[in-house]
Amino acid sequence: MLQETKFQSFTVAADPRQGPPRLAALRARLRAQGLDGFIIPRADEFQGEYVPARSERLSWLTGFTGSAGACVAMLDRAAVFVDGRYT
């Protein structure tokens, strides 16, 4: 019996609605650690271009699913930086 294999899925696991509570939790942690901010890159811990699902930090926090970007989260502000393809 042959099994059907999925080679690619176009389902998006990111949920932008989860961003505000996740950002609030990150800010609480920053305050507890005495930090002013935190940089969340698109790259994984190995600086890889191809990020496995478990390392999708930027997508988890912001809902941004593009291939290039970063977020800077401060105690009172946050910004997402992306290249010109996403503007």
N, C-alpha and C. Protein backbone atom coordinates (compact mmCIF):
# COMPACT_ATOMS: atom_id res chain seq x y z
N MET A 1 0.84 -1.17 0.00
CA MET A 1 0.00 0.00 0.00
C MET A 1 0.89 1.24 0.00
N LEU A 2 0.63 2.17 -0.89
CA LEU A 2 1.39 3.41 -0.97
C LEU A 2 0.82 4.44 -0.01
N GLN A 3 1.71 5.16 0.62
CA GLN A 3 1.28 6.24 1.50
C GLN A 3 1.50 7.57 0.80
N GLU A 4 0.55 8.45 0.97
CA GLU A 4 0.69 9.79 0.41
C GLU A 4 1.63 10.59 1.30
N THR A 5 2.58 11.27 0.69
CA THR A 5 3.55 12.06 1.43
C THR A 5 3.32 13.53 1.13
N LYS A 6 3.27 14.34 2.17
CA LYS A 6 3.16 15.78 2.00
C LYS A 6 4.57 16.36 1.98
N PHE A 7 4.90 17.03 0.90
CA PHE A 7 6.22 17.62 0.81
C PHE A 7 6.23 19.06 1.29
N GLN A 8 5.11 19.72 1.18
CA GLN A 8 5.07 21.12 1.59
C GLN A 8 3.67 21.44 2.09
N SER A 9 3.64 22.24 3.12
CA SER A 9 2.36 22.66 3.67
C SER A 9 2.32 24.19 3.66
N PHE A 10 1.18 24.73 3.35
CA PHE A 10 1.05 26.18 3.32
C PHE A 10 0.22 26.69 4.49
N THR A 11 0.09 25.88 5.51
CA THR A 11 -0.63 26.33 6.70
C THR A 11 0.28 27.25 7.50
N VAL A 12 -0.29 28.32 8.00
CA VAL A 12 0.46 29.29 8.79
C VAL A 12 0.12 29.06 10.25
N ALA A 13 1.14 28.76 11.04
CA ALA A 13 0.93 28.47 12.45
C ALA A 13 0.94 29.74 13.31
N ALA A 14 1.43 30.85 12.76
CA ALA A 14 1.53 32.09 13.53
C ALA A 14 0.14 32.67 13.79
N ASP A 15 -0.03 33.23 14.96
CA ASP A 15 -1.30 33.86 15.31
C ASP A 15 -1.01 35.25 15.88
N PRO A 16 -1.14 36.31 15.08
CA PRO A 16 -0.83 37.66 15.54
C PRO A 16 -1.61 38.08 16.78
N ARG A 17 -2.78 37.49 17.01
CA ARG A 17 -3.57 37.84 18.19
C ARG A 17 -2.87 37.45 19.49
N GLN A 18 -1.94 36.51 19.41
CA GLN A 18 -1.20 36.09 20.59
C GLN A 18 -0.05 37.04 20.93
N GLY A 19 0.26 37.96 20.01
CA GLY A 19 1.38 38.88 20.22
C GLY A 19 1.30 39.73 21.48
N PRO A 20 0.19 40.45 21.71
CA PRO A 20 0.13 41.32 22.89
C PRO A 20 0.33 40.59 24.23
N PRO A 21 -0.32 39.45 24.48
CA PRO A 21 -0.05 38.79 25.77
C PRO A 21 1.37 38.23 25.85
N ARG A 22 1.91 37.78 24.73
CA ARG A 22 3.29 37.26 24.74
C ARG A 22 4.28 38.39 24.97
N LEU A 23 4.03 39.55 24.36
CA LEU A 23 4.89 40.71 24.57
C LEU A 23 4.82 41.17 26.02
N ALA A 24 3.64 41.15 26.60
CA ALA A 24 3.48 41.52 28.02
C ALA A 24 4.27 40.56 28.91
N ALA A 25 4.24 39.27 28.61
CA ALA A 25 4.99 38.29 29.39
C ALA A 25 6.49 38.52 29.23
N LEU A 26 6.93 38.83 28.02
CA LEU A 26 8.35 39.11 27.79
C LEU A 26 8.77 40.35 28.57
N ARG A 27 7.95 41.38 28.56
CA ARG A 27 8.27 42.60 29.30
C ARG A 27 8.33 42.36 30.80
N ALA A 28 7.45 41.54 31.31
CA ALA A 28 7.50 41.20 32.74
C ALA A 28 8.82 40.51 33.06
N ARG A 29 9.25 39.63 32.18
CA ARG A 29 10.52 38.93 32.38
C ARG A 29 11.71 39.89 32.30
N LEU A 30 11.64 40.84 31.36
CA LEU A 30 12.69 41.85 31.25
C LEU A 30 12.81 42.65 32.54
N ARG A 31 11.66 43.09 33.06
CA ARG A 31 11.67 43.85 34.32
C ARG A 31 12.27 43.02 35.46
N ALA A 32 11.87 41.77 35.54
CA ALA A 32 12.36 40.88 36.61
C ALA A 32 13.87 40.68 36.52
N GLN A 33 14.40 40.70 35.29
CA GLN A 33 15.84 40.50 35.09
C GLN A 33 16.62 41.82 35.09
N GLY A 34 15.92 42.95 35.21
CA GLY A 34 16.59 44.25 35.19
C GLY A 34 17.12 44.63 33.82
N LEU A 35 16.46 44.17 32.77
CA LEU A 35 16.88 44.47 31.40
C LEU A 35 16.00 45.54 30.79
N ASP A 36 16.56 46.32 29.87
CA ASP A 36 15.81 47.38 29.20
C ASP A 36 15.14 46.91 27.92
N GLY A 37 15.65 45.86 27.31
CA GLY A 37 15.08 45.40 26.05
C GLY A 37 15.65 44.07 25.63
N PHE A 38 15.13 43.58 24.51
CA PHE A 38 15.52 42.27 24.01
C PHE A 38 15.37 42.27 22.49
N ILE A 39 16.33 41.70 21.78
CA ILE A 39 16.27 41.60 20.33
C ILE A 39 15.83 40.19 19.95
N ILE A 40 14.81 40.10 19.12
CA ILE A 40 14.30 38.81 18.67
C ILE A 40 14.59 38.70 17.18
N PRO A 41 15.58 37.90 16.78
CA PRO A 41 15.92 37.78 15.36
C PRO A 41 15.05 36.75 14.65
N ARG A 42 15.07 36.76 13.35
CA ARG A 42 14.41 35.74 12.55
C ARG A 42 15.25 34.46 12.54
N ALA A 43 16.56 34.61 12.63
CA ALA A 43 17.47 33.46 12.59
C ALA A 43 17.32 32.59 13.83
N ASP A 44 17.74 31.35 13.71
CA ASP A 44 17.71 30.45 14.86
C ASP A 44 18.98 30.60 15.69
N GLU A 45 19.15 29.76 16.69
CA GLU A 45 20.30 29.86 17.59
C GLU A 45 21.62 29.60 16.90
N PHE A 46 21.59 29.03 15.70
CA PHE A 46 22.80 28.77 14.93
C PHE A 46 23.00 29.80 13.83
N GLN A 47 22.19 30.86 13.85
CA GLN A 47 22.20 31.91 12.83
C GLN A 47 21.85 31.35 11.45
N GLY A 48 21.05 30.30 11.44
CA GLY A 48 20.66 29.67 10.19
C GLY A 48 19.60 30.46 9.45
N GLU A 49 19.67 30.39 8.14
CA GLU A 49 18.68 31.05 7.29
C GLU A 49 17.38 30.27 7.27
N TYR A 50 17.48 28.95 7.33
CA TYR A 50 16.30 28.09 7.31
C TYR A 50 15.99 27.67 8.73
N VAL A 51 14.95 28.25 9.28
CA VAL A 51 14.64 28.12 10.70
C VAL A 51 13.62 27.00 10.90
N PRO A 52 13.93 26.02 11.77
CA PRO A 52 12.94 24.97 12.05
C PRO A 52 11.77 25.55 12.85
N ALA A 53 10.64 24.88 12.77
CA ALA A 53 9.42 25.37 13.42
C ALA A 53 9.63 25.65 14.91
N ARG A 54 10.42 24.84 15.57
CA ARG A 54 10.62 25.02 17.02
C ARG A 54 11.41 26.29 17.35
N SER A 55 12.06 26.88 16.35
CA SER A 55 12.88 28.08 16.58
C SER A 55 12.28 29.34 15.97
N GLU A 56 11.02 29.32 15.64
CA GLU A 56 10.35 30.47 15.03
C GLU A 56 10.00 31.53 16.08
N ARG A 57 11.01 32.13 16.68
CA ARG A 57 10.80 33.11 17.75
C ARG A 57 10.06 34.36 17.28
N LEU A 58 10.50 34.88 16.14
CA LEU A 58 9.91 36.12 15.62
C LEU A 58 8.44 35.90 15.26
N SER A 59 8.16 34.80 14.63
CA SER A 59 6.78 34.47 14.29
C SER A 59 5.94 34.26 15.54
N TRP A 60 6.50 33.59 16.53
CA TRP A 60 5.79 33.31 17.78
C TRP A 60 5.39 34.61 18.48
N LEU A 61 6.30 35.58 18.51
CA LEU A 61 6.02 36.82 19.23
C LEU A 61 5.17 37.80 18.43
N THR A 62 5.45 37.92 17.14
CA THR A 62 4.82 38.98 16.35
C THR A 62 3.78 38.52 15.34
N GLY A 63 3.83 37.28 14.94
CA GLY A 63 2.97 36.80 13.87
C GLY A 63 3.57 37.02 12.50
N PHE A 64 4.74 37.65 12.41
CA PHE A 64 5.41 37.89 11.13
C PHE A 64 6.02 36.58 10.63
N THR A 65 5.66 36.18 9.42
CA THR A 65 6.12 34.90 8.89
C THR A 65 7.06 35.04 7.69
N GLY A 66 7.54 36.24 7.42
CA GLY A 66 8.48 36.43 6.32
C GLY A 66 9.83 35.82 6.63
N SER A 67 10.72 35.86 5.63
CA SER A 67 12.01 35.20 5.78
C SER A 67 13.12 36.11 6.28
N ALA A 68 12.86 37.39 6.46
CA ALA A 68 13.89 38.31 6.92
C ALA A 68 13.27 39.38 7.82
N GLY A 69 13.78 39.48 9.04
CA GLY A 69 13.26 40.48 9.96
C GLY A 69 13.80 40.31 11.35
N ALA A 70 13.48 41.25 12.20
CA ALA A 70 13.87 41.21 13.61
C ALA A 70 12.91 42.10 14.38
N CYS A 71 12.81 41.85 15.67
CA CYS A 71 11.98 42.67 16.55
C CYS A 71 12.85 43.17 17.69
N VAL A 72 12.64 44.41 18.07
CA VAL A 72 13.27 44.95 19.27
C VAL A 72 12.14 45.25 20.24
N ALA A 73 12.16 44.57 21.37
CA ALA A 73 11.12 44.76 22.39
C ALA A 73 11.73 45.48 23.58
N MET A 74 11.21 46.66 23.87
CA MET A 74 11.65 47.45 25.02
C MET A 74 10.55 47.40 26.07
N LEU A 75 10.80 47.98 27.22
CA LEU A 75 9.81 47.95 28.29
C LEU A 75 8.54 48.72 27.94
N ASP A 76 8.68 49.76 27.10
CA ASP A 76 7.50 50.57 26.76
C ASP A 76 7.21 50.67 25.27
N ARG A 77 8.06 50.09 24.44
CA ARG A 77 7.87 50.13 22.99
C ARG A 77 8.38 48.84 22.36
N ALA A 78 7.92 48.61 21.16
CA ALA A 78 8.42 47.47 20.38
C ALA A 78 8.36 47.84 18.91
N ALA A 79 9.28 47.30 18.13
CA ALA A 79 9.30 47.56 16.69
C ALA A 79 9.73 46.30 15.96
N VAL A 80 9.15 46.11 14.79
CA VAL A 80 9.54 45.00 13.92
C VAL A 80 10.24 45.62 12.71
N PHE A 81 11.41 45.12 12.39
CA PHE A 81 12.19 45.59 11.25
C PHE A 81 12.22 44.50 10.19
N VAL A 82 11.83 44.85 8.96
CA VAL A 82 11.84 43.91 7.84
C VAL A 82 12.46 44.60 6.64
N ASP A 83 12.80 43.83 5.62
CA ASP A 83 13.37 44.46 4.43
C ASP A 83 12.25 44.92 3.48
N GLY A 84 12.63 45.52 2.38
CA GLY A 84 11.69 46.16 1.48
C GLY A 84 10.66 45.26 0.83
N ARG A 85 10.88 43.95 0.83
CA ARG A 85 9.90 43.04 0.23
C ARG A 85 8.58 43.05 0.99
N TYR A 86 8.60 43.45 2.25
CA TYR A 86 7.41 43.35 3.09
C TYR A 86 6.75 44.69 3.36
N THR A 87 7.18 45.76 2.70
CA THR A 87 6.58 47.07 2.93
C THR A 87 5.56 47.42 1.87
